[in-house]
Structure formats: C-alpha cells, structure tokens
C-alpha cells in the first residue's frame, strides 16, 4: 500500500499510518488528506486489522492545514473574499453571474466537515500519537481520533485564531473541554503544553518522548485483543451520545462561521502577505506581537519546553 504523502504498515492487528511530509512538518495538504482517506478505505474491510495507529514523521506531528500560497480560486487563503467565486460573468441573465466566494467557501468547509466526520465514525478505533506540535488543523485531525497520546513537550493550540478563523471542526474542543476553555484558546491563539492539554481533556496520556512509540503500540495491541464488532459497538455507542447532544449540527454551523471569517480584512491581508512576501513573513506579521505583548507567558510557545 503506497501513497505520496503517508506511509502505511501493519503489525498483526494494528495498522500504522504515518503522516509523511516531514519537510512541511506534516501540514495537511489536500493531497495528504486524500491519501489518509484512501488508506482508511483500503484498511476498512475485514477484521484482520482492528486498530489504526496515527503518527507523524519528522520534527512534528502536524502544524495544521497547509497555508502555502496557491492560485486564487475565489476562496481559501489565496482568495480576496470579494467578487464572484467562479470567474467573470458569462452572460446577462441572473444565472450567468456565477456564485459568490462565500457560497463556494461555505460548500468547501461543509465538505471538509463531512470528510472529517467520516473518519470520526470510522468503524475501527483510531489512536493518535503526537509530538512537538499539534496545531490548528492538527486539532481537527486528533478530534476525529478515539484516544490521543502526546510526548512530553508537545504543544497544542490554534495560533491561526489570531485574525483568521477556526479549524473547521474546532478540534471538537467545545465538546471535549467546554466552551470557556475553548474560548480562552481561541481568543488568544496561545498554545498549551501537553500536561495542560491532558488536564483540559484535549488528550488522554502524556509519556516521555523516548517511550511514545512503544507505549502507543502496546495499547493498540491491547485494544486489538477485542473482536472488531464489539470495538465498533463501543465506539459508535460512545459517539452517538455526542451526536444526540448536537455535535454534527454544531460542526456544520462552525463551517458557516468559518466561511464568514474568511471574508475578514485580516484574513485577506494574511493571504496577500503570504503570496507576495512568503508564508514565513505572513506568520511573523500575525504572531510576533504576541511573543512580547501583555501576558506573553500565557502562551506555551513563549516558555521553555
């Protein structure tokens, strides 16, 4: 099983999917997300594989969605947030004027919600092991997982909350850690360390980095001692509680709000800077004031690991 952006290997009943864009710290490109989906589809039939382990290659687990500038399609970080979303008008009738950028962006966000929810309801348990950084879209990724481990020193958060918007699932954080804790993370864009993430409920376990791989594999093998049909019952019954509390509807609402955020002047300015000056320059413009501003120590990014 070979893919461009991930690695897949099996050890008995446990399949390990490794995000494999180390040169981009495993940022979630469309290609990586497509490969992840295709690998899960391939691993779904049968019960020889009963547990999925998810990890990242290189220096970090995942810094979020890939923000690399790309040609404008009327939405996304390259978009301007104005005008029609699918090109110039091609006639004078009402229907000839195309779709608005916000309509196209909203549809794209809703499609992303559907793709993440498909992983969240995947019938086999998915256990994530994180290290160094798990940010923004990385929170969405672990939000679809059933149990999350972190190496000591791992940091979690959504720095793109600063003037830009939300990860489309909001990392499932309002459901996992409550509204107030979610607001604090998003109002500031600050990061939290692994121990704080565990105390909040973002993750379940913190282990020494040198032990992470063996510890997670051991728990995966232990979980795989159960028959798959029973594991699926446990997973889907637990998820159903969240469904009945409205998580699915809330996620579609979040997609709508994120499309609105993408029309903000600061979002548009970030895209301009990323295209014209480079992504690093745009990130510095966004984040540098928070490194020295009021209560800078509140951000785990400003504290020693």
Protein backbone atom coordinates (compact mmCIF):
# COMPACT_ATOMS: atom_id res chain seq x y z
CA UNK A 1 0.00 0.00 0.00
CA UNK A 2 1.87 3.07 -1.28
CA UNK A 3 0.89 6.74 -1.13
CA UNK A 4 2.64 10.01 -1.86
CA UNK A 5 2.04 11.71 1.49
CA UNK A 6 1.67 8.91 4.03
CA UNK A 7 3.24 5.60 4.96
CA UNK A 8 1.21 2.53 5.90
CA UNK A 9 2.48 -0.60 7.62
CA UNK A 10 0.90 -3.33 9.71
CA UNK A 11 1.97 -5.23 12.81
CA UNK A 12 -0.54 -8.00 13.29
CA UNK A 13 -3.95 -6.44 14.02
CA UNK A 14 -2.57 -2.87 14.18
CA UNK A 15 -2.05 -0.72 11.10
CA UNK A 16 0.13 2.37 11.46
CA UNK A 17 -0.50 5.37 9.22
CA UNK A 18 2.36 7.87 9.30
CA UNK A 19 1.88 11.40 8.00
CA UNK A 20 4.91 11.73 5.75
CA UNK A 21 5.50 15.33 4.71
CA UNK A 22 8.37 16.00 7.13
CA UNK A 23 9.70 18.88 5.03
CA UNK A 24 6.36 20.64 5.73
CA UNK A 25 6.09 19.30 9.31
CA UNK A 26 3.16 17.20 8.00
CA UNK A 27 0.94 20.17 7.20
CA UNK A 28 -2.44 18.96 5.99
CA UNK A 29 -2.44 19.47 2.24
CA UNK A 30 -5.36 18.33 0.11
CA UNK A 31 -3.14 15.50 -1.12
CA UNK A 32 -2.30 14.31 2.38
CA UNK A 33 -5.95 14.35 3.44
CA UNK A 34 -6.90 12.43 0.29
CA UNK A 35 -4.20 9.83 0.95
CA UNK A 36 -5.37 9.44 4.55
CA UNK A 37 -8.94 8.87 3.38
CA UNK A 38 -7.86 6.36 0.74
CA UNK A 39 -5.69 4.43 3.21
CA UNK A 40 -8.56 4.17 5.69
CA UNK A 41 -10.86 2.97 2.91
CA UNK A 42 -8.32 0.29 2.00
CA UNK A 43 -7.90 -0.78 5.65
CA UNK A 44 -11.64 -0.90 6.38
CA UNK A 45 -12.64 -4.35 5.02
CA UNK A 46 -12.23 -7.38 7.23
CA UNK A 47 -11.12 -7.73 10.82
CA UNK A 48 -7.50 -8.77 10.46
CA UNK A 49 -6.67 -5.11 11.09
CA UNK A 50 -8.71 -3.99 14.09
CA UNK A 51 -6.92 -0.82 15.27
CA UNK A 52 -5.39 2.14 13.43
CA UNK A 53 -2.40 3.99 14.89
CA UNK A 54 -1.79 7.51 13.56
CA UNK A 55 1.56 9.29 13.89
CA UNK A 56 3.74 11.87 12.15
CA UNK A 57 7.19 11.60 10.59
CA UNK A 58 9.95 14.06 11.36
CA UNK A 59 10.06 17.00 13.77
CA UNK A 60 6.33 17.43 14.47
CA UNK A 61 3.03 15.62 14.36
CA UNK A 62 1.11 18.31 12.46
CA UNK A 63 1.18 22.14 12.45
CA UNK A 64 -2.25 22.44 10.85
CA UNK A 65 -3.67 22.92 7.38
CA UNK A 66 -1.16 23.72 4.66
CA UNK A 67 -1.12 27.51 4.30
CA UNK A 68 1.27 27.58 1.35
CA UNK A 69 0.07 30.21 -1.14
CA UNK A 70 -1.76 28.84 -4.14
CA UNK A 71 -3.54 30.40 -7.12
CA UNK A 72 -6.75 32.06 -6.09
CA UNK A 73 -9.96 30.11 -6.64
CA UNK A 74 -12.18 32.71 -5.05
CA UNK A 75 -11.80 31.19 -1.59
CA UNK A 76 -9.15 29.95 0.79
CA UNK A 77 -6.01 31.74 1.91
CA UNK A 78 -5.27 32.86 -1.66
CA UNK A 79 -8.71 34.37 -2.18
CA UNK A 80 -9.64 38.02 -1.94
CA UNK A 81 -13.02 37.49 -0.34
CA UNK A 82 -14.74 39.63 -2.99
CA UNK A 83 -16.31 39.13 -6.39
CA UNK A 84 -17.71 36.00 -7.96
CA UNK A 85 -16.20 32.73 -6.98
CA UNK A 86 -16.11 31.01 -10.34
CA UNK A 87 -14.91 33.63 -12.79
CA UNK A 88 -16.36 36.59 -14.64
CA UNK A 89 -19.97 36.78 -15.69
CA UNK A 90 -20.58 34.89 -18.93
CA UNK A 91 -23.91 36.44 -19.85
CA UNK A 92 -26.55 38.93 -18.77
CA UNK A 93 -29.13 36.60 -17.24
CA UNK A 94 -29.34 36.29 -13.45
CA UNK A 95 -27.94 32.78 -13.55
CA UNK A 96 -24.94 33.87 -15.63
CA UNK A 97 -23.25 35.82 -12.87
CA UNK A 98 -21.77 32.84 -11.06
CA UNK A 99 -21.54 32.01 -7.37
CA UNK A 100 -20.28 34.23 -4.60
CA UNK A 101 -16.96 33.43 -2.97
CA UNK A 102 -18.64 32.89 0.41
CA UNK A 103 -21.05 30.34 -1.07
CA UNK A 104 -18.20 28.35 -2.59
CA UNK A 105 -16.14 28.62 0.57
CA UNK A 106 -19.06 27.51 2.72
CA UNK A 107 -19.56 24.48 0.49
CA UNK A 108 -15.87 23.62 0.72
CA UNK A 109 -15.98 23.90 4.51
CA UNK A 110 -19.05 21.66 4.70
CA UNK A 111 -17.33 19.08 2.51
CA UNK A 112 -14.39 19.14 4.92
CA UNK A 113 -16.76 18.56 7.84
CA UNK A 114 -18.20 15.54 6.04
CA UNK A 115 -14.75 14.11 5.36
CA UNK A 116 -13.65 14.54 8.99
CA UNK A 117 -16.90 13.08 10.32
CA UNK A 118 -16.38 10.04 8.12
CA UNK A 119 -13.07 9.44 9.90
CA UNK A 120 -14.65 10.16 13.31
CA UNK A 121 -17.24 7.45 12.64
CA UNK A 122 -14.77 5.01 11.07
CA UNK A 123 -15.63 1.60 12.46
CA UNK A 124 -12.15 0.76 13.74
CA UNK A 125 -10.54 2.57 16.70
CA UNK A 126 -8.02 5.25 15.72
CA UNK A 127 -5.31 6.02 18.26
CA UNK A 128 -3.13 9.10 17.70
CA UNK A 129 0.39 9.72 18.97
CA UNK A 130 1.53 13.33 18.81
CA UNK A 131 4.88 15.01 19.29
CA UNK A 132 6.34 18.52 19.27
CA UNK A 133 3.41 20.39 17.68
CA UNK A 134 -0.26 19.62 17.10
CA UNK A 135 -1.86 22.86 15.94
CA UNK A 136 -4.95 24.17 14.15
CA UNK A 137 -5.92 21.54 11.56
CA UNK A 138 -3.93 19.07 13.64
CA UNK A 139 -6.57 19.61 16.33
CA UNK A 140 -9.22 18.66 13.78
CA UNK A 141 -7.25 15.53 12.97
CA UNK A 142 -6.94 14.37 16.58
CA UNK A 143 -10.54 15.46 17.13
CA UNK A 144 -11.55 12.58 14.85
CA UNK A 145 -9.43 10.09 16.81
CA UNK A 146 -10.62 7.98 19.73
CA UNK A 147 -7.64 8.20 22.08
CA UNK A 148 -4.72 10.66 21.88
CA UNK A 149 -1.23 10.29 23.34
CA UNK A 150 1.36 13.05 23.46
CA UNK A 151 5.09 13.08 24.04
CA UNK A 152 6.25 15.34 26.83
CA UNK A 153 6.91 18.78 25.41
CA UNK A 154 4.18 18.62 22.77
CA UNK A 155 2.22 21.84 22.33
CA UNK A 156 -1.38 22.24 21.27
CA UNK A 157 -3.41 25.22 20.08
CA UNK A 158 -4.73 27.28 17.21
CA UNK A 159 -2.48 30.28 16.54
CA UNK A 160 -4.46 31.00 13.35
CA UNK A 161 -7.28 32.12 15.65
CA UNK A 162 -5.38 35.41 15.58
CA UNK A 163 -7.29 37.35 12.96
CA UNK A 164 -8.10 34.43 10.70
CA UNK A 165 -10.80 31.97 11.80
CA UNK A 166 -11.30 28.49 13.22
CA UNK A 167 -10.28 24.97 12.29
CA UNK A 168 -13.46 23.71 10.70
CA UNK A 169 -14.14 21.10 13.42
CA UNK A 170 -12.81 23.43 16.11
CA UNK A 171 -10.88 20.30 17.08
CA UNK A 172 -14.13 19.08 18.70
CA UNK A 173 -12.92 21.27 21.59
CA UNK A 174 -16.28 22.72 22.75
CA UNK A 175 -17.48 19.14 23.23
CA UNK A 176 -14.20 17.86 24.69
CA UNK A 177 -13.13 20.69 27.02
CA UNK A 178 -16.13 23.01 27.26
CA UNK A 179 -16.96 26.43 25.88
CA UNK A 180 -14.94 28.56 28.30
CA UNK A 181 -11.65 26.70 27.81
CA UNK A 182 -12.17 26.71 24.04
CA UNK A 183 -12.79 30.45 24.06
CA UNK A 184 -9.61 31.10 26.03
CA UNK A 185 -7.55 29.17 23.47
CA UNK A 186 -9.19 30.90 20.51
CA UNK A 187 -9.42 34.42 21.97
CA UNK A 188 -5.63 34.43 22.42
CA UNK A 189 -4.34 31.93 19.86
CA UNK A 190 -1.98 30.77 22.59
CA UNK A 191 -0.60 27.24 22.90
CA UNK A 192 -0.80 24.89 25.87
CA UNK A 193 1.72 22.24 26.85
CA UNK A 194 0.97 18.52 26.89
CA UNK A 195 0.23 18.33 30.61
CA UNK A 196 -2.25 21.21 30.40
CA UNK A 197 -3.80 19.61 27.31
CA UNK A 198 -4.31 16.42 29.33
CA UNK A 199 -5.83 18.30 32.26
CA UNK A 200 -8.21 20.10 29.90
CA UNK A 201 -9.20 16.89 28.11
CA UNK A 202 -7.70 17.58 24.68
CA UNK A 203 -5.62 14.40 25.05
CA UNK A 204 -5.64 11.40 27.36
CA UNK A 205 -1.99 10.49 28.00
CA UNK A 206 1.43 12.19 28.28
CA UNK A 207 4.51 9.97 28.09
CA UNK A 208 8.26 10.52 27.75
CA UNK A 209 9.18 11.09 24.10
CA UNK A 210 11.55 8.11 24.05
CA UNK A 211 8.72 5.81 25.16
CA UNK A 212 5.95 7.20 22.94
CA UNK A 213 6.17 4.76 20.05
CA UNK A 214 6.34 1.62 22.20
CA UNK A 215 3.66 2.79 24.65
CA UNK A 216 1.15 3.63 21.95
CA UNK A 217 1.77 0.42 20.04
CA UNK A 218 1.31 -1.58 23.24
CA UNK A 219 -2.08 0.00 23.96
CA UNK A 220 -3.11 -0.50 20.33
CA UNK A 221 -2.23 -4.18 20.56
CA UNK A 222 -4.14 -4.43 23.84
CA UNK A 223 -7.24 -2.83 22.30
CA UNK A 224 -6.93 -5.22 19.35
CA UNK A 225 -7.45 -8.18 21.70
CA UNK A 226 -11.17 -7.39 21.40
CA UNK A 227 -13.21 -8.61 18.41
CA UNK A 228 -13.82 -5.84 15.88
CA UNK A 229 -17.60 -5.94 16.02
CA UNK A 230 -17.53 -5.29 19.77
CA UNK A 231 -14.97 -2.48 19.35
CA UNK A 232 -17.26 -0.89 16.76
CA UNK A 233 -20.21 -1.08 19.15
CA UNK A 234 -18.19 0.61 21.90
CA UNK A 235 -17.00 3.34 19.53
CA UNK A 236 -20.29 4.10 17.82
CA UNK A 237 -22.32 3.95 21.03
CA UNK A 238 -19.97 6.49 22.62
CA UNK A 239 -20.09 8.71 19.53
CA UNK A 240 -23.88 8.52 19.47
CA UNK A 241 -24.02 10.35 22.80
CA UNK A 242 -22.18 13.24 21.16
CA UNK A 243 -24.43 13.03 18.10
CA UNK A 244 -27.53 13.30 20.28
CA UNK A 245 -26.03 16.33 22.01
CA UNK A 246 -25.86 18.01 18.60
CA UNK A 247 -22.21 17.73 17.60
CA UNK A 248 -22.96 17.16 13.91
CA UNK A 249 -25.23 20.19 13.60
CA UNK A 250 -22.72 22.29 15.56
CA UNK A 251 -19.95 21.35 13.13
CA UNK A 252 -21.97 22.46 10.12
CA UNK A 253 -22.66 25.73 11.93
CA UNK A 254 -18.92 26.09 12.53
CA UNK A 255 -18.33 25.66 8.80
CA UNK A 256 -20.69 28.56 8.15
CA UNK A 257 -18.93 30.76 10.70
CA UNK A 258 -15.53 29.86 9.25
CA UNK A 259 -16.67 30.94 5.78
CA UNK A 260 -17.69 34.29 7.29
CA UNK A 261 -14.28 34.63 8.98
CA UNK A 262 -12.60 34.13 5.61
CA UNK A 263 -14.06 37.45 4.48
CA UNK A 264 -12.36 39.38 7.26
CA UNK A 265 -9.79 42.04 6.28
CA UNK A 266 -7.11 40.38 8.40
CA UNK A 267 -7.64 37.05 6.67
CA UNK A 268 -7.32 38.74 3.28
CA UNK A 269 -4.19 40.61 4.40
CA UNK A 270 -2.58 37.39 5.62
CA UNK A 271 -3.20 35.83 2.21
CA UNK A 272 -1.70 38.84 0.44
CA UNK A 273 1.42 38.77 2.57
CA UNK A 274 1.81 35.01 2.13
CA UNK A 275 1.61 35.35 -1.65
CA UNK A 276 3.78 38.43 -2.04
CA UNK A 277 6.26 38.13 0.83
CA UNK A 278 6.20 34.42 1.69
CA UNK A 279 4.45 32.39 4.36
CA UNK A 280 7.14 32.98 6.99
CA UNK A 281 6.69 36.75 6.66
CA UNK A 282 2.91 36.43 7.00
CA UNK A 283 3.26 34.27 10.10
CA UNK A 284 5.68 36.76 11.66
CA UNK A 285 3.24 39.63 10.98
CA UNK A 286 0.47 37.65 12.66
CA UNK A 287 2.28 36.12 15.64
CA UNK A 288 5.27 38.33 16.56
CA UNK A 289 3.24 40.85 18.60
CA UNK A 290 2.02 38.01 20.82
CA UNK A 291 5.58 36.99 21.71
CA UNK A 292 6.20 40.25 23.60
CA UNK A 293 2.71 41.58 24.25
CA UNK A 294 0.71 41.53 27.51
CA UNK A 295 0.81 38.23 29.44
CA UNK A 296 3.16 36.70 26.86
CA UNK A 297 3.95 33.89 29.31
CA UNK A 298 0.36 32.69 28.92
CA UNK A 299 1.46 31.20 25.58
CA UNK A 300 3.37 27.94 25.96
CA UNK A 301 5.20 28.89 22.75
CA UNK A 302 6.94 31.60 24.78
CA UNK A 303 8.04 29.25 27.57
CA UNK A 304 10.89 26.71 27.56
CA UNK A 305 9.84 23.18 26.56
